[in-house]
Amino acid sequence: MNAIALQLQFTDSATTKIKNLIADENNTNIKLRIYITGGGCSGFQYNFTLDDKIKEDDFTLEKQGVTLVVDPMSLQYLVGGSVDYSEGLEGSRFIVTNPNAKTTCGCGSSFSI
């Protein structure tokens, strides 16, 4: 088990959505990358992208045949967190539950430490 598996989880709902995205792209090398940037109304912002490359220092977590990729700088802000996927009245989105966040914005896409 690699280090990220102990530090970050992703739910079955997120796994299913990633599988659907991979099927839509018709590229089995695609992974979901989560990364943190400065910005948003709370200081830091969660970002997601489909990526078919893994950098040497990236951390990966595999579940049910799909891979979540996180760079080391972003991982430090996500330790102990989880990634979920939700569809509802607010739209569809990946949601990060982050125990390190002191505050979050109303939409849940940005946070402060």
PDB file of N, CA and C in Angstrom:
ATOM      1  N   MET A   1       0.851  -1.179   0.000  1.00  0.00           N
ATOM      2  CA  MET A   1       0.000   0.000   0.000  1.00  0.00           C
ATOM      3  C   MET A   1       0.893   1.236   0.000  1.00  0.00           C
ATOM      4  N   ASN A   2       0.626   2.181  -0.923  1.00  0.00           N
ATOM      5  CA  ASN A   2       1.476   3.362  -0.963  1.00  0.00           C
ATOM      6  C   ASN A   2       1.011   4.407   0.044  1.00  0.00           C
ATOM      7  N   ALA A   3       1.802   5.458   0.185  1.00  0.00           N
ATOM      8  CA  ALA A   3       1.543   6.470   1.206  1.00  0.00           C
ATOM      9  C   ALA A   3       0.203   7.164   1.025  1.00  0.00           C
ATOM     10  N   ILE A   4      -0.197   7.421  -0.195  1.00  0.00           N
ATOM     11  CA  ILE A   4      -1.449   8.141  -0.414  1.00  0.00           C
ATOM     12  C   ILE A   4      -2.652   7.343   0.056  1.00  0.00           C
ATOM     13  N   ALA A   5      -2.606   6.032  -0.032  1.00  0.00           N
ATOM     14  CA  ALA A   5      -3.739   5.206   0.394  1.00  0.00           C
ATOM     15  C   ALA A   5      -4.025   5.405   1.879  1.00  0.00           C
ATOM     16  N   LEU A   6      -3.036   5.768   2.643  1.00  0.00           N
ATOM     17  CA  LEU A   6      -3.214   6.019   4.063  1.00  0.00           C
ATOM     18  C   LEU A   6      -3.641   7.448   4.331  1.00  0.00           C
ATOM     19  N   GLN A   7      -3.480   8.328   3.337  1.00  0.00           N
ATOM     20  CA  GLN A   7      -3.691   9.747   3.567  1.00  0.00           C
ATOM     21  C   GLN A   7      -4.920  10.326   2.874  1.00  0.00           C
ATOM     22  N   LEU A   8      -5.431   9.652   1.855  1.00  0.00           N
ATOM     23  CA  LEU A   8      -6.540  10.174   1.069  1.00  0.00           C
ATOM     24  C   LEU A   8      -7.365   9.010   0.545  1.00  0.00           C
ATOM     25  N   GLN A   9      -8.676   9.145   0.593  1.00  0.00           N
ATOM     26  CA  GLN A   9      -9.570   8.095   0.119  1.00  0.00           C
ATOM     27  C   GLN A   9     -10.455   8.654  -0.990  1.00  0.00           C
ATOM     28  N   PHE A  10     -11.007   7.774  -1.827  1.00  0.00           N
ATOM     29  CA  PHE A  10     -12.080   8.204  -2.708  1.00  0.00           C
ATOM     30  C   PHE A  10     -13.188   7.172  -2.709  1.00  0.00           C
ATOM     31  N   THR A  11     -14.422   7.671  -2.796  1.00  0.00           N
ATOM     32  CA  THR A  11     -15.607   6.857  -2.577  1.00  0.00           C
ATOM     33  C   THR A  11     -15.959   6.027  -3.812  1.00  0.00           C
ATOM     34  N   ASP A  12     -16.873   5.082  -3.609  1.00  0.00           N
ATOM     35  CA  ASP A  12     -17.367   4.281  -4.723  1.00  0.00           C
ATOM     36  C   ASP A  12     -18.056   5.156  -5.763  1.00  0.00           C
ATOM     37  N   SER A  13     -18.751   6.188  -5.332  1.00  0.00           N
ATOM     38  CA  SER A  13     -19.430   7.095  -6.255  1.00  0.00           C
ATOM     39  C   SER A  13     -18.409   7.818  -7.138  1.00  0.00           C
ATOM     40  N   ALA A  14     -17.314   8.272  -6.545  1.00  0.00           N
ATOM     41  CA  ALA A  14     -16.248   8.919  -7.324  1.00  0.00           C
ATOM     42  C   ALA A  14     -15.612   7.917  -8.281  1.00  0.00           C
ATOM     43  N   THR A  15     -15.408   6.707  -7.815  1.00  0.00           N
ATOM     44  CA  THR A  15     -14.824   5.660  -8.657  1.00  0.00           C
ATOM     45  C   THR A  15     -15.698   5.392  -9.876  1.00  0.00           C
ATOM     46  N   THR A  16     -16.997   5.278  -9.668  1.00  0.00           N
ATOM     47  CA  THR A  16     -17.928   5.023 -10.767  1.00  0.00           C
ATOM     48  C   THR A  16     -17.898   6.163 -11.777  1.00  0.00           C
ATOM     49  N   LYS A  17     -17.880   7.402 -11.295  1.00  0.00           N
ATOM     50  CA  LYS A  17     -17.846   8.550 -12.210  1.00  0.00           C
ATOM     51  C   LYS A  17     -16.555   8.563 -13.016  1.00  0.00           C
ATOM     52  N   ILE A  18     -15.436   8.279 -12.375  1.00  0.00           N
ATOM     53  CA  ILE A  18     -14.155   8.248 -13.083  1.00  0.00           C
ATOM     54  C   ILE A  18     -14.178   7.166 -14.158  1.00  0.00           C
ATOM     55  N   LYS A  19     -14.737   6.005 -13.835  1.00  0.00           N
ATOM     56  CA  LYS A  19     -14.869   4.931 -14.836  1.00  0.00           C
ATOM     57  C   LYS A  19     -15.688   5.403 -16.030  1.00  0.00           C
ATOM     58  N   ASN A  20     -16.778   6.127 -15.780  1.00  0.00           N
ATOM     59  CA  ASN A  20     -17.609   6.656 -16.863  1.00  0.00           C
ATOM     60  C   ASN A  20     -16.853   7.674 -17.709  1.00  0.00           C
ATOM     61  N   LEU A  21     -16.065   8.527 -17.066  1.00  0.00           N
ATOM     62  CA  LEU A  21     -15.270   9.515 -17.800  1.00  0.00           C
ATOM     63  C   LEU A  21     -14.220   8.841 -18.676  1.00  0.00           C
ATOM     64  N   ILE A  22     -13.606   7.798 -18.142  1.00  0.00           N
ATOM     65  CA  ILE A  22     -12.610   7.038 -18.909  1.00  0.00           C
ATOM     66  C   ILE A  22     -13.280   6.405 -20.127  1.00  0.00           C
ATOM     67  N   ALA A  23     -14.455   5.829 -19.939  1.00  0.00           N
ATOM     68  CA  ALA A  23     -15.178   5.204 -21.052  1.00  0.00           C
ATOM     69  C   ALA A  23     -15.553   6.256 -22.104  1.00  0.00           C
ATOM     70  N   ASP A  24     -15.991   7.430 -21.658  1.00  0.00           N
ATOM     71  CA  ASP A  24     -16.354   8.510 -22.587  1.00  0.00           C
ATOM     72  C   ASP A  24     -15.162   8.960 -23.422  1.00  0.00           C
ATOM     73  N   GLU A  25     -13.988   8.981 -22.804  1.00  0.00           N
ATOM     74  CA  GLU A  25     -12.769   9.418 -23.494  1.00  0.00           C
ATOM     75  C   GLU A  25     -12.153   8.308 -24.331  1.00  0.00           C
ATOM     76  N   ASN A  26     -12.580   7.077 -24.097  1.00  0.00           N
ATOM     77  CA  ASN A  26     -12.049   5.913 -24.810  1.00  0.00           C
ATOM     78  C   ASN A  26     -10.521   5.829 -24.695  1.00  0.00           C
ATOM     79  N   ASN A  27     -10.031   6.095 -23.469  1.00  0.00           N
ATOM     80  CA  ASN A  27      -8.593   6.089 -23.197  1.00  0.00           C
ATOM     81  C   ASN A  27      -8.375   5.471 -21.817  1.00  0.00           C
ATOM     82  N   THR A  28      -7.944   4.237 -21.779  1.00  0.00           N
ATOM     83  CA  THR A  28      -7.775   3.538 -20.509  1.00  0.00           C
ATOM     84  C   THR A  28      -6.583   4.041 -19.689  1.00  0.00           C
ATOM     85  N   ASN A  29      -5.781   4.950 -20.243  1.00  0.00           N
ATOM     86  CA  ASN A  29      -4.645   5.517 -19.502  1.00  0.00           C
ATOM     87  C   ASN A  29      -5.030   6.727 -18.662  1.00  0.00           C
ATOM     88  N   ILE A  30      -6.275   7.164 -18.757  1.00  0.00           N
ATOM     89  CA  ILE A  30      -6.710   8.370 -18.045  1.00  0.00           C
ATOM     90  C   ILE A  30      -6.818   8.107 -16.545  1.00  0.00           C
ATOM     91  N   LYS A  31      -6.368   9.101 -15.789  1.00  0.00           N
ATOM     92  CA  LYS A  31      -6.484   9.105 -14.340  1.00  0.00           C
ATOM     93  C   LYS A  31      -7.146  10.413 -13.930  1.00  0.00           C
ATOM     94  N   LEU A  32      -7.725  10.450 -12.741  1.00  0.00           N
ATOM     95  CA  LEU A  32      -8.254  11.702 -12.220  1.00  0.00           C
ATOM     96  C   LEU A  32      -7.172  12.342 -11.361  1.00  0.00           C
ATOM     97  N   ARG A  33      -6.799  13.555 -11.724  1.00  0.00           N
ATOM     98  CA  ARG A  33      -5.800  14.300 -10.960  1.00  0.00           C
ATOM     99  C   ARG A  33      -6.524  15.348 -10.130  1.00  0.00           C
ATOM    100  N   ILE A  34      -6.215  15.396  -8.842  1.00  0.00           N
ATOM    101  CA  ILE A  34      -6.704  16.455  -7.968  1.00  0.00           C
ATOM    102  C   ILE A  34      -5.504  17.292  -7.569  1.00  0.00           C
ATOM    103  N   TYR A  35      -5.681  18.611  -7.639  1.00  0.00           N
ATOM    104  CA  TYR A  35      -4.589  19.502  -7.251  1.00  0.00           C
ATOM    105  C   TYR A  35      -5.157  20.773  -6.633  1.00  0.00           C
ATOM    106  N   ILE A  36      -4.342  21.406  -5.830  1.00  0.00           N
ATOM    107  CA  ILE A  36      -4.721  22.600  -5.092  1.00  0.00           C
ATOM    108  C   ILE A  36      -4.017  23.798  -5.710  1.00  0.00           C
ATOM    109  N   THR A  37      -4.773  24.879  -5.910  1.00  0.00           N
ATOM    110  CA  THR A  37      -4.193  26.142  -6.373  1.00  0.00           C
ATOM    111  C   THR A  37      -4.648  27.256  -5.435  1.00  0.00           C
ATOM    112  N   GLY A  38      -3.934  28.361  -5.466  1.00  0.00           N
ATOM    113  CA  GLY A  38      -4.365  29.538  -4.737  1.00  0.00           C
ATOM    114  C   GLY A  38      -5.566  30.131  -5.456  1.00  0.00           C
ATOM    115  N   GLY A  39      -6.514  30.657  -4.685  1.00  0.00           N
ATOM    116  CA  GLY A  39      -7.671  31.293  -5.299  1.00  0.00           C
ATOM    117  C   GLY A  39      -8.952  30.882  -4.627  1.00  0.00           C
ATOM    118  N   GLY A  40     -10.049  31.222  -5.262  1.00  0.00           N
ATOM    119  CA  GLY A  40     -11.352  30.943  -4.673  1.00  0.00           C
ATOM    120  C   GLY A  40     -11.627  31.934  -3.562  1.00  0.00           C
ATOM    121  N   CYS A  41     -12.805  31.898  -3.026  1.00  0.00           N
ATOM    122  CA  CYS A  41     -13.182  32.880  -2.004  1.00  0.00           C
ATOM    123  C   CYS A  41     -12.578  32.591  -0.637  1.00  0.00           C
ATOM    124  N   SER A  42     -11.961  31.421  -0.453  1.00  0.00           N
ATOM    125  CA  SER A  42     -11.389  31.083   0.855  1.00  0.00           C
ATOM    126  C   SER A  42      -9.870  30.940   0.855  1.00  0.00           C
ATOM    127  N   GLY A  43      -9.215  31.158  -0.279  1.00  0.00           N
ATOM    128  CA  GLY A  43      -7.753  31.133  -0.293  1.00  0.00           C
ATOM    129  C   GLY A  43      -7.131  30.031  -1.120  1.00  0.00           C
ATOM    130  N   PHE A  44      -7.646  28.813  -1.018  1.00  0.00           N
ATOM    131  CA  PHE A  44      -7.170  27.682  -1.810  1.00  0.00           C
ATOM    132  C   PHE A  44      -8.359  27.090  -2.562  1.00  0.00           C
ATOM    133  N   GLN A  45      -8.077  26.477  -3.691  1.00  0.00           N
ATOM    134  CA  GLN A  45      -9.151  25.926  -4.505  1.00  0.00           C
ATOM    135  C   GLN A  45      -8.822  24.513  -4.950  1.00  0.00           C
ATOM    136  N   TYR A  46      -9.827  23.627  -4.897  1.00  0.00           N
ATOM    137  CA  TYR A  46      -9.688  22.264  -5.399  1.00  0.00           C
ATOM    138  C   TYR A  46      -9.882  22.277  -6.912  1.00  0.00           C
ATOM    139  N   ASN A  47      -9.037  21.534  -7.610  1.00  0.00           N
ATOM    140  CA  ASN A  47      -9.151  21.409  -9.057  1.00  0.00           C
ATOM    141  C   ASN A  47      -9.049  19.943  -9.436  1.00  0.00           C
ATOM    142  N   PHE A  48      -9.774  19.577 -10.472  1.00  0.00           N
ATOM    143  CA  PHE A  48      -9.768  18.211 -10.980  1.00  0.00           C
ATOM    144  C   PHE A  48      -9.536  18.252 -12.479  1.00  0.00           C
ATOM    145  N   THR A  49      -8.751  17.319 -12.972  1.00  0.00           N
ATOM    146  CA  THR A  49      -8.540  17.198 -14.402  1.00  0.00           C
ATOM    147  C   THR A  49      -8.296  15.735 -14.746  1.00  0.00           C
ATOM    148  N   LEU A  50      -8.614  15.397 -15.967  1.00  0.00           N
ATOM    149  CA  LEU A  50      -8.278  14.068 -16.465  1.00  0.00           C
ATOM    150  C   LEU A  50      -6.866  14.144 -17.019  1.00  0.00           C
ATOM    151  N   ASP A  51      -6.044  13.195 -16.660  1.00  0.00           N
ATOM    152  CA  ASP A  51      -4.629  13.229 -17.035  1.00  0.00           C
ATOM    153  C   ASP A  51      -4.185  11.824 -17.410  1.00  0.00           C
ATOM    154  N   ASP A  52      -3.405  11.710 -18.471  1.00  0.00           N
ATOM    155  CA  ASP A  52      -2.904  10.384 -18.845  1.00  0.00           C
ATOM    156  C   ASP A  52      -1.425  10.229 -18.531  1.00  0.00           C
ATOM    157  N   LYS A  53      -0.880  11.181 -17.758  1.00  0.00           N
ATOM    158  CA  LYS A  53       0.529  11.105 -17.376  1.00  0.00           C
ATOM    159  C   LYS A  53       0.666  11.143 -15.859  1.00  0.00           C
ATOM    160  N   ILE A  54       1.631  10.406 -15.354  1.00  0.00           N
ATOM    161  CA  ILE A  54       1.984  10.443 -13.938  1.00  0.00           C
ATOM    162  C   ILE A  54       3.426  10.917 -13.850  1.00  0.00           C
ATOM    163  N   LYS A  55       3.646  11.975 -13.075  1.00  0.00           N
ATOM    164  CA  LYS A  55       4.999  12.493 -12.888  1.00  0.00           C
ATOM    165  C   LYS A  55       5.723  11.647 -11.847  1.00  0.00           C
ATOM    166  N   GLU A  56       7.030  11.708 -11.877  1.00  0.00           N
ATOM    167  CA  GLU A  56       7.860  10.874 -11.011  1.00  0.00           C
ATOM    168  C   GLU A  56       7.539  11.041  -9.527  1.00  0.00           C
ATOM    169  N   ASP A  57       7.225  12.274  -9.098  1.00  0.00           N
ATOM    170  CA  ASP A  57       6.984  12.507  -7.674  1.00  0.00           C
ATOM    171  C   ASP A  57       5.499  12.492  -7.293  1.00  0.00           C
ATOM    172  N   ASP A  58       4.606  12.173  -8.229  1.00  0.00           N
ATOM    173  CA  ASP A  58       3.180  12.073  -7.937  1.00  0.00           C
ATOM    174  C   ASP A  58       2.880  10.884  -7.033  1.00  0.00           C
ATOM    175  N   PHE A  59       1.829  11.024  -6.256  1.00  0.00           N
ATOM    176  CA  PHE A  59       1.289   9.929  -5.467  1.00  0.00           C
ATOM    177  C   PHE A  59       0.062   9.401  -6.200  1.00  0.00           C
ATOM    178  N   THR A  60      -0.143   8.104  -6.172  1.00  0.00           N
ATOM    179  CA  THR A  60      -1.302   7.514  -6.831  1.00  0.00           C
ATOM    180  C   THR A  60      -2.051   6.606  -5.868  1.00  0.00           C
ATOM    181  N   LEU A  61      -3.345   6.512  -6.093  1.00  0.00           N
ATOM    182  CA  LEU A  61      -4.199   5.624  -5.337  1.00  0.00           C
ATOM    183  C   LEU A  61      -5.116   4.937  -6.335  1.00  0.00           C
ATOM    184  N   GLU A  62      -5.107   3.613  -6.329  1.00  0.00           N
ATOM    185  CA  GLU A  62      -5.943   2.862  -7.257  1.00  0.00           C
ATOM    186  C   GLU A  62      -7.083   2.198  -6.493  1.00  0.00           C
ATOM    187  N   LYS A  63      -8.268   2.245  -7.102  1.00  0.00           N
ATOM    188  CA  LYS A  63      -9.448   1.610  -6.519  1.00  0.00           C
ATOM    189  C   LYS A  63     -10.327   1.117  -7.655  1.00  0.00           C
ATOM    190  N   GLN A  64     -10.652  -0.141  -7.648  1.00  0.00           N
ATOM    191  CA  GLN A  64     -11.544  -0.750  -8.635  1.00  0.00           C
ATOM    192  C   GLN A  64     -11.118  -0.427 -10.072  1.00  0.00           C
ATOM    193  N   GLY A  65      -9.810  -0.408 -10.295  1.00  0.00           N
ATOM    194  CA  GLY A  65      -9.296  -0.203 -11.646  1.00  0.00           C
ATOM    195  C   GLY A  65      -9.154   1.229 -12.103  1.00  0.00           C
ATOM    196  N   VAL A  66      -9.439   2.195 -11.229  1.00  0.00           N
ATOM    197  CA  VAL A  66      -9.227   3.598 -11.591  1.00  0.00           C
ATOM    198  C   VAL A  66      -8.180   4.198 -10.661  1.00  0.00           C
ATOM    199  N   THR A  67      -7.520   5.242 -11.141  1.00  0.00           N
ATOM    200  CA  THR A  67      -6.407   5.825 -10.396  1.00  0.00           C
ATOM    201  C   THR A  67      -6.646   7.301 -10.123  1.00  0.00           C
ATOM    202  N   LEU A  68      -6.408   7.690  -8.878  1.00  0.00           N
ATOM    203  CA  LEU A  68      -6.416   9.081  -8.449  1.00  0.00           C
ATOM    204  C   LEU A  68      -4.954   9.494  -8.317  1.00  0.00           C
ATOM    205  N   VAL A  69      -4.602  10.658  -8.865  1.00  0.00           N
ATOM    206  CA  VAL A  69      -3.222  11.144  -8.854  1.00  0.00           C
ATOM    207  C   VAL A  69      -3.180  12.490  -8.132  1.00  0.00           C
ATOM    208  N   VAL A  70      -2.175  12.669  -7.254  1.00  0.00           N
ATOM    209  CA  VAL A  70      -2.003  13.911  -6.508  1.00  0.00           C
ATOM    210  C   VAL A  70      -0.524  14.257  -6.473  1.00  0.00           C
ATOM    211  N   ASP A  71      -0.220  15.520  -6.739  1.00  0.00           N
ATOM    212  CA  ASP A  71       1.172  15.965  -6.626  1.00  0.00           C
ATOM    213  C   ASP A  71       1.508  16.162  -5.143  1.00  0.00           C
ATOM    214  N   PRO A  72       2.792  16.103  -4.781  1.00  0.00           N
ATOM    215  CA  PRO A  72       3.177  16.167  -3.363  1.00  0.00           C
ATOM    216  C   PRO A  72       2.757  17.459  -2.669  1.00  0.00           C
ATOM    217  N   MET A  73       2.800  18.597  -3.368  1.00  0.00           N
ATOM    218  CA  MET A  73       2.422  19.870  -2.757  1.00  0.00           C
ATOM    219  C   MET A  73       0.933  19.865  -2.386  1.00  0.00           C
ATOM    220  N   SER A  74       0.100  19.351  -3.276  1.00  0.00           N
ATOM    221  CA  SER A  74      -1.343  19.305  -3.012  1.00  0.00           C
ATOM    222  C   SER A  74      -1.678  18.287  -1.934  1.00  0.00           C
ATOM    223  N   LEU A  75      -0.965  17.164  -1.921  1.00  0.00           N
ATOM    224  CA  LEU A  75      -1.251  16.102  -0.961  1.00  0.00           C
ATOM    225  C   LEU A  75      -1.149  16.595   0.475  1.00  0.00           C
ATOM    226  N   GLN A  76      -0.214  17.480   0.753  1.00  0.00           N
ATOM    227  CA  GLN A  76      -0.052  17.956   2.122  1.00  0.00           C
ATOM    228  C   GLN A  76      -1.311  18.667   2.639  1.00  0.00           C
ATOM    229  N   TYR A  77      -2.108  19.239   1.739  1.00  0.00           N
ATOM    230  CA  TYR A  77      -3.345  19.905   2.139  1.00  0.00           C
ATOM    231  C   TYR A  77      -4.532  18.937   2.218  1.00  0.00           C
ATOM    232  N   LEU A  78      -4.366  17.731   1.685  1.00  0.00           N
ATOM    233  CA  LEU A  78      -5.470  16.779   1.584  1.00  0.00           C
ATOM    234  C   LEU A  78      -5.360  15.597   2.541  1.00  0.00           C
ATOM    235  N   VAL A  79      -4.316  15.545   3.350  1.00  0.00           N
ATOM    236  CA  VAL A  79      -4.075  14.410   4.242  1.00  0.00           C
ATOM    237  C   VAL A  79      -5.303  14.147   5.107  1.00  0.00           C
ATOM    238  N   GLY A  80      -5.765  12.907   5.079  1.00  0.00           N
ATOM    239  CA  GLY A  80      -6.913  12.506   5.883  1.00  0.00           C
ATOM    240  C   GLY A  80      -8.250  12.778   5.224  1.00  0.00           C
ATOM    241  N   GLY A  81      -8.239  13.331   4.025  1.00  0.00           N
ATOM    242  CA  GLY A  81      -9.474  13.700   3.345  1.00  0.00           C
ATOM    243  C   GLY A  81     -10.024  12.603   2.455  1.00  0.00           C
ATOM    244  N   SER A  82     -11.137  12.931   1.804  1.00  0.00           N
ATOM    245  CA  SER A  82     -11.734  11.992   0.861  1.00  0.00           C
ATOM    246  C   SER A  82     -12.344  12.758  -0.310  1.00  0.00           C
ATOM    247  N   VAL A  83     -12.429  12.061  -1.442  1.00  0.00           N
ATOM    248  CA  VAL A  83     -13.020  12.615  -2.652  1.00  0.00           C
ATOM    249  C   VAL A  83     -14.284  11.818  -2.947  1.00  0.00           C
ATOM    250  N   ASP A  84     -15.385  12.523  -3.139  1.00  0.00           N
ATOM    251  CA  ASP A  84     -16.667  11.909  -3.443  1.00  0.00           C
ATOM    252  C   ASP A  84     -17.204  12.545  -4.722  1.00  0.00           C
ATOM    253  N   TYR A  85     -18.266  11.977  -5.260  1.00  0.00           N
ATOM    254  CA  TYR A  85     -18.932  12.542  -6.429  1.00  0.00           C
ATOM    255  C   TYR A  85     -20.414  12.617  -6.124  1.00  0.00           C
ATOM    256  N   SER A  86     -21.031  13.749  -6.464  1.00  0.00           N
ATOM    257  CA  SER A  86     -22.433  13.958  -6.152  1.00  0.00           C
ATOM    258  C   SER A  86     -23.164  14.545  -7.347  1.00  0.00           C
ATOM    259  N   GLU A  87     -24.404  14.108  -7.529  1.00  0.00           N
ATOM    260  CA  GLU A  87     -25.303  14.697  -8.518  1.00  0.00           C
ATOM    261  C   GLU A  87     -26.560  15.112  -7.780  1.00  0.00           C
ATOM    262  N   GLY A  88     -26.960  16.367  -7.955  1.00  0.00           N
ATOM    263  CA  GLY A  88     -28.150  16.848  -7.264  1.00  0.00           C
ATOM    264  C   GLY A  88     -28.605  18.168  -7.833  1.00  0.00           C
ATOM    265  N   LEU A  89     -29.400  18.892  -7.076  1.00  0.00           N
ATOM    266  CA  LEU A  89     -29.933  20.174  -7.520  1.00  0.00           C
ATOM    267  C   LEU A  89     -28.837  21.195  -7.814  1.00  0.00           C
ATOM    268  N   GLU A  90     -27.722  21.073  -7.121  1.00  0.00           N
ATOM    269  CA  GLU A  90     -26.606  21.997  -7.310  1.00  0.00           C
ATOM    270  C   GLU A  90     -25.754  21.624  -8.517  1.00  0.00           C
ATOM    271  N   GLY A  91     -26.103  20.554  -9.199  1.00  0.00           N
ATOM    272  CA  GLY A  91     -25.323  20.077 -10.342  1.00  0.00           C
ATOM    273  C   GLY A  91     -24.523  18.852  -9.951  1.00  0.00           C
ATOM    274  N   SER A  92     -23.655  18.447 -10.842  1.00  0.00           N
ATOM    275  CA  SER A  92     -22.813  17.289 -10.565  1.00  0.00           C
ATOM    276  C   SER A  92     -21.386  17.768 -10.357  1.00  0.00           C
ATOM    277  N   ARG A  93     -20.697  17.139  -9.378  1.00  0.00           N
ATOM    278  CA  ARG A  93     -19.335  17.589  -9.068  1.00  0.00           C
ATOM    279  C   ARG A  93     -18.635  16.599  -8.161  1.00  0.00           C
ATOM    280  N   PHE A  94     -17.316  16.674  -8.210  1.00  0.00           N
ATOM    281  CA  PHE A  94     -16.505  15.968  -7.233  1.00  0.00           C
ATOM    282  C   PHE A  94     -16.468  16.848  -5.989  1.00  0.00           C
ATOM    283  N   ILE A  95     -16.539  16.216  -4.829  1.00  0.00           N
ATOM    284  CA  ILE A  95     -16.553  16.936  -3.560  1.00  0.00           C
ATOM    285  C   ILE A  95     -15.413  16.423  -2.693  1.00  0.00           C
ATOM    286  N   VAL A  96     -14.661  17.352  -2.123  1.00  0.00           N
ATOM    287  CA  VAL A  96     -13.568  16.987  -1.225  1.00  0.00           C
ATOM    288  C   VAL A  96     -14.005  17.237   0.209  1.00  0.00           C
ATOM    289  N   THR A  97     -13.874  16.208   1.031  1.00  0.00           N
ATOM    290  CA  THR A  97     -14.057  16.365   2.474  1.00  0.00           C
ATOM    291  C   THR A  97     -12.649  16.464   3.045  1.00  0.00           C
ATOM    292  N   ASN A  98     -12.344  17.622   3.610  1.00  0.00           N
ATOM    293  CA  ASN A  98     -10.977  17.907   4.008  1.00  0.00           C
ATOM    294  C   ASN A  98     -10.928  18.275   5.498  1.00  0.00           C
ATOM    295  N   PRO A  99     -10.413  17.377   6.344  1.00  0.00           N
ATOM    296  CA  PRO A  99     -10.352  17.676   7.771  1.00  0.00           C
ATOM    297  C   PRO A  99      -9.344  18.774   8.120  1.00  0.00           C
ATOM    298  N   ASN A 100      -8.497  19.147   7.171  1.00  0.00           N
ATOM    299  CA  ASN A 100      -7.502  20.189   7.408  1.00  0.00           C
ATOM    300  C   ASN A 100      -8.046  21.588   7.162  1.00  0.00           C
ATOM    301  N   ALA A 101      -9.169  21.702   6.478  1.00  0.00           N
ATOM    302  CA  ALA A 101      -9.737  23.002   6.134  1.00  0.00           C
ATOM    303  C   ALA A 101     -10.347  23.650   7.377  1.00  0.00           C
ATOM    304  N   LYS A 102      -9.953  24.878   7.625  1.00  0.00           N
ATOM    305  CA  LYS A 102     -10.524  25.630   8.749  1.00  0.00           C
ATOM    306  C   LYS A 102     -11.860  26.243   8.337  1.00  0.00           C
ATOM    307  N   THR A 103     -11.950  26.722   7.104  1.00  0.00           N
ATOM    308  CA  THR A 103     -13.189  27.266   6.565  1.00  0.00           C
ATOM    309  C   THR A 103     -13.315  26.830   5.116  1.00  0.00           C
ATOM    310  N   THR A 104     -14.547  26.751   4.634  1.00  0.00           N
ATOM    311  CA  THR A 104     -14.807  26.455   3.223  1.00  0.00           C
ATOM    312  C   THR A 104     -15.831  27.453   2.711  1.00  0.00           C
ATOM    313  N   CYS A 105     -15.876  27.607   1.398  1.00  0.00           N
ATOM    314  CA  CYS A 105     -16.888  28.484   0.820  1.00  0.00           C
ATOM    315  C   CYS A 105     -18.212  27.718   0.737  1.00  0.00           C
ATOM    316  N   GLY A 106     -19.255  28.407   0.406  1.00  0.00           N
ATOM    317  CA  GLY A 106     -20.579  27.809   0.348  1.00  0.00           C
ATOM    318  C   GLY A 106     -20.696  26.689  -0.670  1.00  0.00           C
ATOM    319  N   CYS A 107     -19.969  26.799  -1.791  1.00  0.00           N
ATOM    320  CA  CYS A 107     -20.073  25.754  -2.819  1.00  0.00           C
ATOM    321  C   CYS A 107     -19.120  24.602  -2.579  1.00  0.00           C
ATOM    322  N   GLY A 108     -18.188  24.752  -1.614  1.00  0.00           N
ATOM    323  CA  GLY A 108     -17.283  23.674  -1.269  1.00  0.00           C
ATOM    324  C   GLY A 108     -16.082  23.531  -2.180  1.00  0.00           C
ATOM    325  N   SER A 109     -15.879  24.478  -3.101  1.00  0.00           N
ATOM    326  CA  SER A 109     -14.744  24.337  -4.027  1.00  0.00           C
ATOM    327  C   SER A 109     -13.499  25.065  -3.559  1.00  0.00           C
ATOM    328  N   SER A 110     -13.599  25.868  -2.516  1.00  0.00           N
ATOM    329  CA  SER A 110     -12.399  26.505  -1.989  1.00  0.00           C
ATOM    330  C   SER A 110     -12.387  26.396  -0.465  1.00  0.00           C
ATOM    331  N   PHE A 111     -11.191  26.582   0.097  1.00  0.00           N
ATOM    332  CA  PHE A 111     -11.014  26.388   1.536  1.00  0.00           C
ATOM    333  C   PHE A 111      -9.823  27.198   2.020  1.00  0.00           C
ATOM    334  N   SER A 112      -9.712  27.316   3.346  1.00  0.00           N
ATOM    335  CA  SER A 112      -8.535  27.920   3.956  1.00  0.00           C
ATOM    336  C   SER A 112      -8.011  26.974   5.017  1.00  0.00           C
ATOM    337  N   ILE A 113      -6.722  27.103   5.297  1.00  0.00           N
ATOM    338  CA  ILE A 113      -6.047  26.250   6.283  1.00  0.00           C
ATOM    339  C   ILE A 113      -5.768  27.069   7.526  1.00  0.00           C
TER     340      ILE A 113
END
